[in-house]
Amino acid sequence: MKLGMLTACLPGWSLGRIAEFASEQGYERLEVGVWPGTGGRDFEAAHLPVATFTESDAEATRELLDRTGLEISAFAYYENNLHQDASRRASVHEHLKHAIDAAQTLGVPYVGTFIGRDNTKSVRDNMAEGDRVLPELVDYAGERGVKLIIENCVMEGWHPDGYPGNIAYSPELWGWVTGLGFGLNWDPSHLTWIGIDPLETILPFAEHIVHAQAKDLELFPDERNRYGFFGKVDKGDDPWDMGWWRFRVPGRGVVDWPHVVDRLYEAGFDGTLSVEHEDPLWGGTDEKVLEGLRIAHRTLRPLIAQET
């Protein structure tokens, strides 16, 4: 197992600057954000120009990795592959293929994305639509030696009422997701707030969890008693404000990291545990974000065996 970090928490930094920090801090791998740009929502980053990726870009990236001693664990392009708007869906698929092509060029094994959801349809109808349109993306990646991996984020902000906007949120759905040929980018924080014990999901899906994200969660039960499980009705200008929980960096929330890492080892996981920093207390300024990444490193580094 290797300790990595997702670059999306520093969208204004160059990949080179992030790599220098990560290497100095003791991270071993980068999960690189490859959105076409930023501004669609928080925590998007365009750290490699995959849509126009050239051999010169590839060589510069290889030199950066050689210089810093890092590896790229995966590309990150988490978007809605079942979007109800046909043109938007097509553009997502097009960029996802660009990410796959660039991953092939660099020898990056995984590209992470979401299943997503057509909000005009039920979950079951979305699954039927997924059966129709998603295998082509899986095959496109597989033909290029790349595996698509799906994060189990609920993406509640994509739905007008805070319901799941990414139909890969539960183990019940993971059987369908992996049956289509996707791997899993497992994240315990999302499982925690929807009432699933993350520890109990690892062994049953051990062969499919090929990458993992390290994000923590803080719960406010008194507020849940007011708003209910689905959160605030009036979220104002922030569709992600559920009102009764917030993301935290590892070590500042309720996730039991010693037991999570131990269970991953028990499952034979030898991939990357990638810190996904979306903690509002350690955000807002670059220095706060960096300190959040340091806290996460201090929490997780002692738990992961290092090669001798």
C-alpha atoms as a PDB file:
ATOM      1  CA  MET A   1       0.000   0.000   0.000  1.00  0.00           C
ATOM      2  CA  LYS A   2       1.195   3.506  -0.875  1.00  0.00           C
ATOM      3  CA  LEU A   3       0.097   6.872   0.510  1.00  0.00           C
ATOM      4  CA  GLY A   4      -1.018   9.408  -2.064  1.00  0.00           C
ATOM      5  CA  MET A   5      -3.012  12.609  -2.389  1.00  0.00           C
ATOM      6  CA  LEU A   6      -5.598  13.938  -4.833  1.00  0.00           C
ATOM      7  CA  THR A   7      -4.393  17.174  -6.415  1.00  0.00           C
ATOM      8  CA  ALA A   8      -7.864  18.757  -6.735  1.00  0.00           C
ATOM      9  CA  CYS A   9      -7.578  20.583  -3.397  1.00  0.00           C
ATOM     10  CA  LEU A  10      -4.969  22.892  -4.973  1.00  0.00           C
ATOM     11  CA  PRO A  11      -6.557  23.811  -8.318  1.00  0.00           C
ATOM     12  CA  GLY A  12      -4.546  27.008  -8.662  1.00  0.00           C
ATOM     13  CA  TRP A  13      -1.179  25.307  -8.314  1.00  0.00           C
ATOM     14  CA  SER A  14       0.792  23.725 -11.116  1.00  0.00           C
ATOM     15  CA  LEU A  15       1.350  19.981 -11.020  1.00  0.00           C
ATOM     16  CA  GLY A  16       5.044  20.653 -10.566  1.00  0.00           C
ATOM     17  CA  ARG A  17       4.495  22.758  -7.470  1.00  0.00           C
ATOM     18  CA  ILE A  18       2.141  20.168  -5.997  1.00  0.00           C
ATOM     19  CA  ALA A  19       4.610  17.375  -6.716  1.00  0.00           C
ATOM     20  CA  GLU A  20       7.412  19.233  -4.945  1.00  0.00           C
ATOM     21  CA  PHE A  21       5.234  19.695  -1.855  1.00  0.00           C
ATOM     22  CA  ALA A  22       3.979  16.113  -1.892  1.00  0.00           C
ATOM     23  CA  SER A  23       7.471  14.701  -2.206  1.00  0.00           C
ATOM     24  CA  GLU A  24       8.843  16.899   0.571  1.00  0.00           C
ATOM     25  CA  GLN A  25       5.925  15.974   2.821  1.00  0.00           C
ATOM     26  CA  GLY A  26       6.443  12.254   2.280  1.00  0.00           C
ATOM     27  CA  TYR A  27       3.570  11.361  -0.026  1.00  0.00           C
ATOM     28  CA  GLU A  28       4.409   8.673  -2.561  1.00  0.00           C
ATOM     29  CA  ARG A  29       1.775   9.028  -5.271  1.00  0.00           C
ATOM     30  CA  LEU A  30      -0.496  11.619  -6.863  1.00  0.00           C
ATOM     31  CA  GLU A  31      -4.080  11.155  -7.971  1.00  0.00           C
ATOM     32  CA  VAL A  32      -4.090  13.874 -10.617  1.00  0.00           C
ATOM     33  CA  GLY A  33      -7.142  15.985 -11.390  1.00  0.00           C
ATOM     34  CA  VAL A  34      -7.677  16.185 -15.163  1.00  0.00           C
ATOM     35  CA  TRP A  35     -10.907  18.138 -15.606  1.00  0.00           C
ATOM     36  CA  PRO A  36     -10.934  20.298 -18.758  1.00  0.00           C
ATOM     37  CA  GLY A  37     -10.977  23.385 -16.533  1.00  0.00           C
ATOM     38  CA  THR A  38     -12.127  24.639 -13.158  1.00  0.00           C
ATOM     39  CA  GLY A  39     -15.167  26.504 -11.921  1.00  0.00           C
ATOM     40  CA  GLY A  40     -17.889  23.929 -12.470  1.00  0.00           C
ATOM     41  CA  ARG A  41     -17.862  23.107  -8.778  1.00  0.00           C
ATOM     42  CA  ASP A  42     -15.391  23.042  -5.901  1.00  0.00           C
ATOM     43  CA  PHE A  43     -12.521  20.543  -5.993  1.00  0.00           C
ATOM     44  CA  GLU A  44     -12.013  20.378  -9.733  1.00  0.00           C
ATOM     45  CA  ALA A  45      -8.524  20.742 -11.135  1.00  0.00           C
ATOM     46  CA  ALA A  46      -6.942  20.731 -14.593  1.00  0.00           C
ATOM     47  CA  HIS A  47      -3.425  19.630 -13.716  1.00  0.00           C
ATOM     48  CA  LEU A  48      -2.672  17.915 -17.030  1.00  0.00           C
ATOM     49  CA  PRO A  49      -4.040  18.975 -20.437  1.00  0.00           C
ATOM     50  CA  VAL A  50      -5.353  15.535 -21.383  1.00  0.00           C
ATOM     51  CA  ALA A  51      -7.557  16.817 -24.223  1.00  0.00           C
ATOM     52  CA  THR A  52      -4.484  18.090 -26.093  1.00  0.00           C
ATOM     53  CA  PHE A  53      -1.861  15.798 -24.565  1.00  0.00           C
ATOM     54  CA  THR A  54       1.344  15.635 -26.604  1.00  0.00           C
ATOM     55  CA  GLU A  55       4.507  13.600 -26.356  1.00  0.00           C
ATOM     56  CA  SER A  56       6.180  16.779 -25.100  1.00  0.00           C
ATOM     57  CA  ASP A  57       3.620  16.958 -22.262  1.00  0.00           C
ATOM     58  CA  ALA A  58       4.236  13.296 -21.505  1.00  0.00           C
ATOM     59  CA  GLU A  59       8.004  13.736 -21.402  1.00  0.00           C
ATOM     60  CA  ALA A  60       7.734  16.762 -19.100  1.00  0.00           C
ATOM     61  CA  THR A  61       5.458  14.776 -16.776  1.00  0.00           C
ATOM     62  CA  ARG A  62       7.841  11.818 -16.714  1.00  0.00           C
ATOM     63  CA  GLU A  63      10.736  14.131 -15.887  1.00  0.00           C
ATOM     64  CA  LEU A  64       8.738  15.700 -13.042  1.00  0.00           C
ATOM     65  CA  LEU A  65       7.926  12.280 -11.578  1.00  0.00           C
ATOM     66  CA  ASP A  66      11.529  11.137 -11.889  1.00  0.00           C
ATOM     67  CA  ARG A  67      12.764  14.303 -10.187  1.00  0.00           C
ATOM     68  CA  THR A  68      10.343  14.096  -7.270  1.00  0.00           C
ATOM     69  CA  GLY A  69      10.302  10.305  -6.898  1.00  0.00           C
ATOM     70  CA  LEU A  70       6.510  10.195  -7.224  1.00  0.00           C
ATOM     71  CA  GLU A  71       4.144   8.037  -9.242  1.00  0.00           C
ATOM     72  CA  ILE A  72       0.686   8.822 -10.614  1.00  0.00           C
ATOM     73  CA  SER A  73      -1.794   6.399  -9.080  1.00  0.00           C
ATOM     74  CA  ALA A  74      -4.780   7.517 -11.172  1.00  0.00           C
ATOM     75  CA  PHE A  75      -6.317  10.345 -13.123  1.00  0.00           C
ATOM     76  CA  ALA A  76      -9.390  11.964 -11.572  1.00  0.00           C
ATOM     77  CA  TYR A  77     -12.298  13.156 -13.696  1.00  0.00           C
ATOM     78  CA  TYR A  78     -15.394  12.764 -11.550  1.00  0.00           C
ATOM     79  CA  GLU A  79     -18.356  13.743 -13.703  1.00  0.00           C
ATOM     80  CA  ASN A  80     -21.865  12.561 -14.573  1.00  0.00           C
ATOM     81  CA  ASN A  81     -21.666   9.853 -17.231  1.00  0.00           C
ATOM     82  CA  LEU A  82     -25.472   9.452 -17.268  1.00  0.00           C
ATOM     83  CA  HIS A  83     -26.339  13.148 -17.449  1.00  0.00           C
ATOM     84  CA  GLN A  84     -29.897  13.758 -18.661  1.00  0.00           C
ATOM     85  CA  ASP A  85     -28.718  16.396 -21.152  1.00  0.00           C
ATOM     86  CA  ALA A  86     -27.474  14.492 -24.186  1.00  0.00           C
ATOM     87  CA  SER A  87     -24.911  17.104 -25.216  1.00  0.00           C
ATOM     88  CA  ARG A  88     -23.495  17.355 -21.708  1.00  0.00           C
ATOM     89  CA  ARG A  89     -23.287  13.563 -21.453  1.00  0.00           C
ATOM     90  CA  ALA A  90     -21.475  13.394 -24.789  1.00  0.00           C
ATOM     91  CA  SER A  91     -18.926  16.015 -23.702  1.00  0.00           C
ATOM     92  CA  VAL A  92     -18.267  14.116 -20.464  1.00  0.00           C
ATOM     93  CA  HIS A  93     -17.680  10.896 -22.384  1.00  0.00           C
ATOM     94  CA  GLU A  94     -15.412  12.675 -24.848  1.00  0.00           C
ATOM     95  CA  HIS A  95     -13.213  14.141 -22.116  1.00  0.00           C
ATOM     96  CA  LEU A  96     -13.161  10.851 -20.231  1.00  0.00           C
ATOM     97  CA  LYS A  97     -11.742   9.232 -23.356  1.00  0.00           C
ATOM     98  CA  HIS A  98      -9.101  11.952 -23.564  1.00  0.00           C
ATOM     99  CA  ALA A  99      -8.128  11.108 -19.974  1.00  0.00           C
ATOM    100  CA  ILE A 100      -7.930   7.418 -20.873  1.00  0.00           C
ATOM    101  CA  ASP A 101      -5.713   8.170 -23.878  1.00  0.00           C
ATOM    102  CA  ALA A 102      -3.349  10.265 -21.763  1.00  0.00           C
ATOM    103  CA  ALA A 103      -3.285   7.569 -19.081  1.00  0.00           C
ATOM    104  CA  GLN A 104      -2.259   5.043 -21.711  1.00  0.00           C
ATOM    105  CA  THR A 105       0.551   7.324 -22.860  1.00  0.00           C
ATOM    106  CA  LEU A 106       1.923   7.731 -19.331  1.00  0.00           C
ATOM    107  CA  GLY A 107       1.241   4.184 -18.146  1.00  0.00           C
ATOM    108  CA  VAL A 108      -1.262   5.353 -15.528  1.00  0.00           C
ATOM    109  CA  PRO A 109      -3.356   2.306 -14.608  1.00  0.00           C
ATOM    110  CA  TYR A 110      -6.638   3.942 -13.547  1.00  0.00           C
ATOM    111  CA  VAL A 111      -8.964   6.773 -14.470  1.00  0.00           C
ATOM    112  CA  GLY A 112     -11.518   7.644 -11.803  1.00  0.00           C
ATOM    113  CA  THR A 113     -15.020   8.910 -12.568  1.00  0.00           C
ATOM    114  CA  PHE A 114     -18.658   8.649 -11.441  1.00  0.00           C
ATOM    115  CA  ILE A 115     -21.521   6.625 -12.816  1.00  0.00           C
ATOM    116  CA  GLY A 116     -23.716   9.676 -12.263  1.00  0.00           C
ATOM    117  CA  ARG A 117     -27.471   9.788 -12.777  1.00  0.00           C
ATOM    118  CA  ASP A 118     -30.229  11.045 -15.016  1.00  0.00           C
ATOM    119  CA  ASN A 119     -32.289  12.939 -12.424  1.00  0.00           C
ATOM    120  CA  THR A 120     -35.454  12.531 -14.453  1.00  0.00           C
ATOM    121  CA  LYS A 121     -35.342   8.734 -13.977  1.00  0.00           C
ATOM    122  CA  SER A 122     -35.435   6.266 -11.109  1.00  0.00           C
ATOM    123  CA  VAL A 123     -32.347   4.399  -9.976  1.00  0.00           C
ATOM    124  CA  ARG A 124     -33.567   1.231 -11.694  1.00  0.00           C
ATOM    125  CA  ASP A 125     -34.187   3.070 -14.962  1.00  0.00           C
ATOM    126  CA  ASN A 126     -30.724   4.619 -14.682  1.00  0.00           C
ATOM    127  CA  MET A 127     -29.239   1.162 -14.277  1.00  0.00           C
ATOM    128  CA  ALA A 128     -30.935   0.090 -17.485  1.00  0.00           C
ATOM    129  CA  GLU A 129     -29.539   3.169 -19.221  1.00  0.00           C
ATOM    130  CA  GLY A 130     -26.117   2.400 -17.772  1.00  0.00           C
ATOM    131  CA  ASP A 131     -26.297  -1.121 -19.149  1.00  0.00           C
ATOM    132  CA  ARG A 132     -26.803   0.462 -22.565  1.00  0.00           C
ATOM    133  CA  VAL A 133     -24.164   3.232 -22.604  1.00  0.00           C
ATOM    134  CA  LEU A 134     -21.430   2.456 -20.076  1.00  0.00           C
ATOM    135  CA  PRO A 135     -19.863  -0.777 -21.426  1.00  0.00           C
ATOM    136  CA  GLU A 136     -18.487   1.154 -24.414  1.00  0.00           C
ATOM    137  CA  LEU A 137     -16.476   3.357 -22.029  1.00  0.00           C
ATOM    138  CA  VAL A 138     -15.199   0.345 -20.086  1.00  0.00           C
ATOM    139  CA  ASP A 139     -14.170  -1.335 -23.328  1.00  0.00           C
ATOM    140  CA  TYR A 140     -12.479   1.828 -24.634  1.00  0.00           C
ATOM    141  CA  ALA A 141     -10.341   1.944 -21.492  1.00  0.00           C
ATOM    142  CA  GLY A 142      -9.616  -1.777 -21.445  1.00  0.00           C
ATOM    143  CA  GLU A 143      -8.422  -1.743 -25.041  1.00  0.00           C
ATOM    144  CA  ARG A 144      -5.812   0.804 -23.958  1.00  0.00           C
ATOM    145  CA  GLY A 145      -4.661  -1.026 -20.850  1.00  0.00           C
ATOM    146  CA  VAL A 146      -6.508   1.327 -18.491  1.00  0.00           C
ATOM    147  CA  LYS A 147      -9.231   0.505 -15.946  1.00  0.00           C
ATOM    148  CA  LEU A 148     -12.057   2.878 -15.136  1.00  0.00           C
ATOM    149  CA  ILE A 149     -12.715   3.149 -11.406  1.00  0.00           C
ATOM    150  CA  ILE A 150     -15.847   4.510  -9.740  1.00  0.00           C
ATOM    151  CA  GLU A 151     -15.912   6.439  -6.467  1.00  0.00           C
ATOM    152  CA  ASN A 152     -18.874   5.719  -4.191  1.00  0.00           C
ATOM    153  CA  CYS A 153     -19.599   9.404  -3.558  1.00  0.00           C
ATOM    154  CA  VAL A 154     -23.340  10.045  -3.165  1.00  0.00           C
ATOM    155  CA  MET A 155     -23.176  13.352  -5.099  1.00  0.00           C
ATOM    156  CA  GLU A 156     -26.303  14.540  -3.314  1.00  0.00           C
ATOM    157  CA  GLY A 157     -25.742  18.077  -4.587  1.00  0.00           C
ATOM    158  CA  TRP A 158     -26.502  16.905  -8.116  1.00  0.00           C
ATOM    159  CA  HIS A 159     -30.081  16.084  -7.157  1.00  0.00           C
ATOM    160  CA  PRO A 160     -32.540  18.928  -6.418  1.00  0.00           C
ATOM    161  CA  ASP A 161     -33.699  17.249  -3.196  1.00  0.00           C
ATOM    162  CA  GLY A 162     -30.370  15.910  -1.956  1.00  0.00           C
ATOM    163  CA  TYR A 163     -30.967  12.350  -3.113  1.00  0.00           C
ATOM    164  CA  PRO A 164     -28.125  10.292  -4.623  1.00  0.00           C
ATOM    165  CA  GLY A 165     -26.816  11.805  -7.852  1.00  0.00           C
ATOM    166  CA  ASN A 166     -24.279   9.028  -8.422  1.00  0.00           C
ATOM    167  CA  ILE A 167     -25.797   5.554  -8.429  1.00  0.00           C
ATOM    168  CA  ALA A 168     -22.736   3.852  -6.995  1.00  0.00           C
ATOM    169  CA  TYR A 169     -23.327   4.799  -3.371  1.00  0.00           C
ATOM    170  CA  SER A 170     -24.009   1.389  -1.782  1.00  0.00           C
ATOM    171  CA  PRO A 171     -22.700  -2.182  -1.887  1.00  0.00           C
ATOM    172  CA  GLU A 172     -26.074  -3.201  -3.322  1.00  0.00           C
ATOM    173  CA  LEU A 173     -25.154  -1.141  -6.403  1.00  0.00           C
ATOM    174  CA  TRP A 174     -21.473  -2.080  -6.430  1.00  0.00           C
ATOM    175  CA  GLY A 175     -22.343  -5.567  -7.648  1.00  0.00           C
ATOM    176  CA  TRP A 176     -23.918  -3.971 -10.717  1.00  0.00           C
ATOM    177  CA  VAL A 177     -21.066  -1.453 -11.137  1.00  0.00           C
ATOM    178  CA  THR A 178     -18.340  -4.100 -11.002  1.00  0.00           C
ATOM    179  CA  GLY A 179     -20.405  -6.408 -13.208  1.00  0.00           C
ATOM    180  CA  LEU A 180     -20.088  -3.771 -15.935  1.00  0.00           C
ATOM    181  CA  GLY A 181     -16.299  -4.001 -15.600  1.00  0.00           C
ATOM    182  CA  PHE A 182     -15.544  -0.972 -13.448  1.00  0.00           C
ATOM    183  CA  GLY A 183     -13.200  -1.102 -10.467  1.00  0.00           C
ATOM    184  CA  LEU A 184     -13.905   0.714  -7.202  1.00  0.00           C
ATOM    185  CA  ASN A 185     -12.208   3.796  -5.795  1.00  0.00           C
ATOM    186  CA  TRP A 186     -13.430   3.146  -2.258  1.00  0.00           C
ATOM    187  CA  ASP A 187     -14.081   6.074   0.103  1.00  0.00           C
ATOM    188  CA  PRO A 188     -15.295   5.476   3.696  1.00  0.00           C
ATOM    189  CA  SER A 189     -16.585   9.000   4.319  1.00  0.00           C
ATOM    190  CA  HIS A 190     -19.604   8.685   2.025  1.00  0.00           C
ATOM    191  CA  LEU A 191     -20.544   5.300   3.447  1.00  0.00           C
ATOM    192  CA  THR A 192     -20.412   6.705   6.964  1.00  0.00           C
ATOM    193  CA  TRP A 193     -23.015   9.437   6.542  1.00  0.00           C
ATOM    194  CA  ILE A 194     -25.507   7.183   4.761  1.00  0.00           C
ATOM    195  CA  GLY A 195     -25.371   4.712   7.651  1.00  0.00           C
ATOM    196  CA  ILE A 196     -23.134   1.975   6.221  1.00  0.00           C
ATOM    197  CA  ASP A 197     -20.210   0.633   8.253  1.00  0.00           C
ATOM    198  CA  PRO A 198     -17.243   1.095   5.892  1.00  0.00           C
ATOM    199  CA  LEU A 199     -15.271  -1.721   7.497  1.00  0.00           C
ATOM    200  CA  GLU A 200     -17.947  -4.238   6.560  1.00  0.00           C
ATOM    201  CA  THR A 201     -17.748  -3.339   2.865  1.00  0.00           C
ATOM    202  CA  ILE A 202     -14.055  -4.061   2.295  1.00  0.00           C
ATOM    203  CA  LEU A 203     -13.708  -7.836   2.334  1.00  0.00           C
ATOM    204  CA  PRO A 204     -16.806  -8.572   0.208  1.00  0.00           C
ATOM    205  CA  PHE A 205     -15.416  -6.322  -2.539  1.00  0.00           C
ATOM    206  CA  ALA A 206     -11.707  -6.938  -2.003  1.00  0.00           C
ATOM    207  CA  GLU A 207     -11.017  -7.960  -5.595  1.00  0.00           C
ATOM    208  CA  HIS A 208     -12.688  -4.814  -6.932  1.00  0.00           C
ATOM    209  CA  ILE A 209     -11.208  -2.171  -4.577  1.00  0.00           C
ATOM    210  CA  VAL A 210      -8.127  -1.227  -6.583  1.00  0.00           C
ATOM    211  CA  HIS A 211      -7.757   2.347  -5.312  1.00  0.00           C
ATOM    212  CA  ALA A 212      -8.985   4.054  -2.142  1.00  0.00           C
ATOM    213  CA  GLN A 213      -9.546   7.612  -1.011  1.00  0.00           C
ATOM    214  CA  ALA A 214      -8.865   8.851   2.494  1.00  0.00           C
ATOM    215  CA  LYS A 215     -11.486  11.374   3.528  1.00  0.00           C
ATOM    216  CA  ASP A 216     -13.011  11.738   6.985  1.00  0.00           C
ATOM    217  CA  LEU A 217     -16.380  12.959   8.224  1.00  0.00           C
ATOM    218  CA  GLU A 218     -17.742  14.879  11.207  1.00  0.00           C
ATOM    219  CA  LEU A 219     -21.366  14.257  12.219  1.00  0.00           C
ATOM    220  CA  PHE A 220     -23.794  16.562  14.062  1.00  0.00           C
ATOM    221  CA  PRO A 221     -26.631  14.320  15.353  1.00  0.00           C
ATOM    222  CA  ASP A 222     -28.586  17.198  16.887  1.00  0.00           C
ATOM    223  CA  GLU A 223     -28.804  18.862  13.492  1.00  0.00           C
ATOM    224  CA  ARG A 224     -29.809  15.577  11.870  1.00  0.00           C
ATOM    225  CA  ASN A 225     -32.700  15.428  14.340  1.00  0.00           C
ATOM    226  CA  ARG A 226     -33.844  18.759  12.919  1.00  0.00           C
ATOM    227  CA  TYR A 227     -33.250  18.299   9.201  1.00  0.00           C
ATOM    228  CA  GLY A 228     -33.506  14.541   8.761  1.00  0.00           C
ATOM    229  CA  PHE A 229     -31.267  12.246   6.797  1.00  0.00           C
ATOM    230  CA  PHE A 230     -31.747  14.118   3.495  1.00  0.00           C
ATOM    231  CA  GLY A 231     -30.589  17.400   4.977  1.00  0.00           C
ATOM    232  CA  LYS A 232     -31.888  20.932   4.676  1.00  0.00           C
ATOM    233  CA  VAL A 233     -34.785  21.699   2.385  1.00  0.00           C
ATOM    234  CA  ASP A 234     -33.456  25.202   1.751  1.00  0.00           C
ATOM    235  CA  LYS A 235     -29.757  24.882   0.994  1.00  0.00           C
ATOM    236  CA  GLY A 236     -29.477  28.447  -0.231  1.00  0.00           C
ATOM    237  CA  ASP A 237     -26.729  28.869  -2.797  1.00  0.00           C
ATOM    238  CA  ASP A 238     -24.921  25.703  -1.726  1.00  0.00           C
ATOM    239  CA  PRO A 239     -26.574  22.472  -2.912  1.00  0.00           C
ATOM    240  CA  TRP A 240     -24.010  20.499  -0.920  1.00  0.00           C
ATOM    241  CA  ASP A 241     -24.962  21.976   2.469  1.00  0.00           C
ATOM    242  CA  MET A 242     -26.792  19.088   4.119  1.00  0.00           C
ATOM    243  CA  GLY A 243     -26.628  20.804   7.498  1.00  0.00           C
ATOM    244  CA  TRP A 244     -25.749  17.820   9.695  1.00  0.00           C
ATOM    245  CA  TRP A 245     -22.300  16.637   8.589  1.00  0.00           C
ATOM    246  CA  ARG A 246     -19.146  17.936   6.970  1.00  0.00           C
ATOM    247  CA  PHE A 247     -16.042  16.409   5.450  1.00  0.00           C
ATOM    248  CA  ARG A 248     -12.803  16.447   7.441  1.00  0.00           C
ATOM    249  CA  VAL A 249      -9.210  15.440   6.818  1.00  0.00           C
ATOM    250  CA  PRO A 250      -8.232  12.008   8.168  1.00  0.00           C
ATOM    251  CA  GLY A 251      -7.814  12.184  11.921  1.00  0.00           C
ATOM    252  CA  ARG A 252     -10.349  14.947  12.475  1.00  0.00           C
ATOM    253  CA  GLY A 253     -13.560  12.956  12.059  1.00  0.00           C
ATOM    254  CA  VAL A 254     -15.228   9.683  13.001  1.00  0.00           C
ATOM    255  CA  VAL A 255     -13.612   7.245  10.551  1.00  0.00           C
ATOM    256  CA  ASP A 256     -11.572   4.587  12.366  1.00  0.00           C
ATOM    257  CA  TRP A 257      -8.402   4.796  10.275  1.00  0.00           C
ATOM    258  CA  PRO A 258      -6.307   2.169  12.110  1.00  0.00           C
ATOM    259  CA  HIS A 259      -9.024  -0.417  11.545  1.00  0.00           C
ATOM    260  CA  VAL A 260      -9.718   0.758   7.987  1.00  0.00           C
ATOM    261  CA  VAL A 261      -6.080   0.388   6.978  1.00  0.00           C
ATOM    262  CA  ASP A 262      -5.830  -2.918   8.828  1.00  0.00           C
ATOM    263  CA  ARG A 263      -8.893  -4.262   6.998  1.00  0.00           C
ATOM    264  CA  LEU A 264      -7.484  -3.099   3.663  1.00  0.00           C
ATOM    265  CA  TYR A 265      -4.327  -5.062   4.425  1.00  0.00           C
ATOM    266  CA  GLU A 266      -6.453  -8.061   5.364  1.00  0.00           C
ATOM    267  CA  ALA A 267      -8.176  -7.760   1.986  1.00  0.00           C
ATOM    268  CA  GLY A 268      -4.805  -7.854   0.226  1.00  0.00           C
ATOM    269  CA  PHE A 269      -5.055  -4.254  -0.926  1.00  0.00           C
ATOM    270  CA  ASP A 270      -1.742  -3.134  -2.394  1.00  0.00           C
ATOM    271  CA  GLY A 271      -2.910   0.002  -4.188  1.00  0.00           C
ATOM    272  CA  THR A 272      -2.945   3.669  -3.225  1.00  0.00           C
ATOM    273  CA  LEU A 273      -4.695   5.262  -0.261  1.00  0.00           C
ATOM    274  CA  SER A 274      -5.153   8.767  -1.628  1.00  0.00           C
ATOM    275  CA  VAL A 275      -5.948  11.708   0.643  1.00  0.00           C
ATOM    276  CA  GLU A 276      -8.945  13.648  -0.691  1.00  0.00           C
ATOM    277  CA  HIS A 277      -8.897  16.976   1.116  1.00  0.00           C
ATOM    278  CA  GLU A 278     -12.309  18.698   1.227  1.00  0.00           C
ATOM    279  CA  ASP A 279     -12.195  19.841   4.858  1.00  0.00           C
ATOM    280  CA  PRO A 280     -13.735  23.335   5.193  1.00  0.00           C
ATOM    281  CA  LEU A 281     -11.825  24.009   8.429  1.00  0.00           C
ATOM    282  CA  TRP A 282      -8.544  23.452   6.618  1.00  0.00           C
ATOM    283  CA  GLY A 283      -9.511  25.288   3.449  1.00  0.00           C
ATOM    284  CA  GLY A 284      -9.882  28.801   2.133  1.00  0.00           C
ATOM    285  CA  THR A 285      -6.184  29.571   1.873  1.00  0.00           C
ATOM    286  CA  ASP A 286      -3.268  27.666   0.424  1.00  0.00           C
ATOM    287  CA  GLU A 287      -1.554  27.456   3.793  1.00  0.00           C
ATOM    288  CA  LYS A 288      -4.605  25.971   5.458  1.00  0.00           C
ATOM    289  CA  VAL A 289      -4.952  23.409   2.678  1.00  0.00           C
ATOM    290  CA  LEU A 290      -1.295  22.460   3.054  1.00  0.00           C
ATOM    291  CA  GLU A 291      -1.692  22.087   6.797  1.00  0.00           C
ATOM    292  CA  GLY A 292      -4.705  19.853   6.209  1.00  0.00           C
ATOM    293  CA  LEU A 293      -2.562  17.661   3.973  1.00  0.00           C
ATOM    294  CA  ARG A 294       0.117  17.575   6.680  1.00  0.00           C
ATOM    295  CA  ILE A 295      -2.471  16.511   9.287  1.00  0.00           C
ATOM    296  CA  ALA A 296      -3.676  13.744   6.974  1.00  0.00           C
ATOM    297  CA  HIS A 297      -0.111  12.579   6.404  1.00  0.00           C
ATOM    298  CA  ARG A 298       0.649  12.518  10.124  1.00  0.00           C
ATOM    299  CA  THR A 299      -2.514  10.481  10.708  1.00  0.00           C
ATOM    300  CA  LEU A 300      -2.022   7.887   7.981  1.00  0.00           C
ATOM    301  CA  ARG A 301       1.730   7.551   7.527  1.00  0.00           C
ATOM    302  CA  PRO A 302       2.289   5.523  10.752  1.00  0.00           C
ATOM    303  CA  LEU A 303      -0.427   3.062   9.684  1.00  0.00           C
ATOM    304  CA  ILE A 304       1.091   2.118   6.321  1.00  0.00           C
ATOM    305  CA  ALA A 305       4.061  -0.223   6.208  1.00  0.00           C
ATOM    306  CA  GLN A 306       7.064   1.216   4.417  1.00  0.00           C
ATOM    307  CA  GLU A 307       9.394  -0.771   2.223  1.00  0.00           C
ATOM    308  CA  THR A 308      12.835  -1.412   3.678  1.00  0.00           C
END
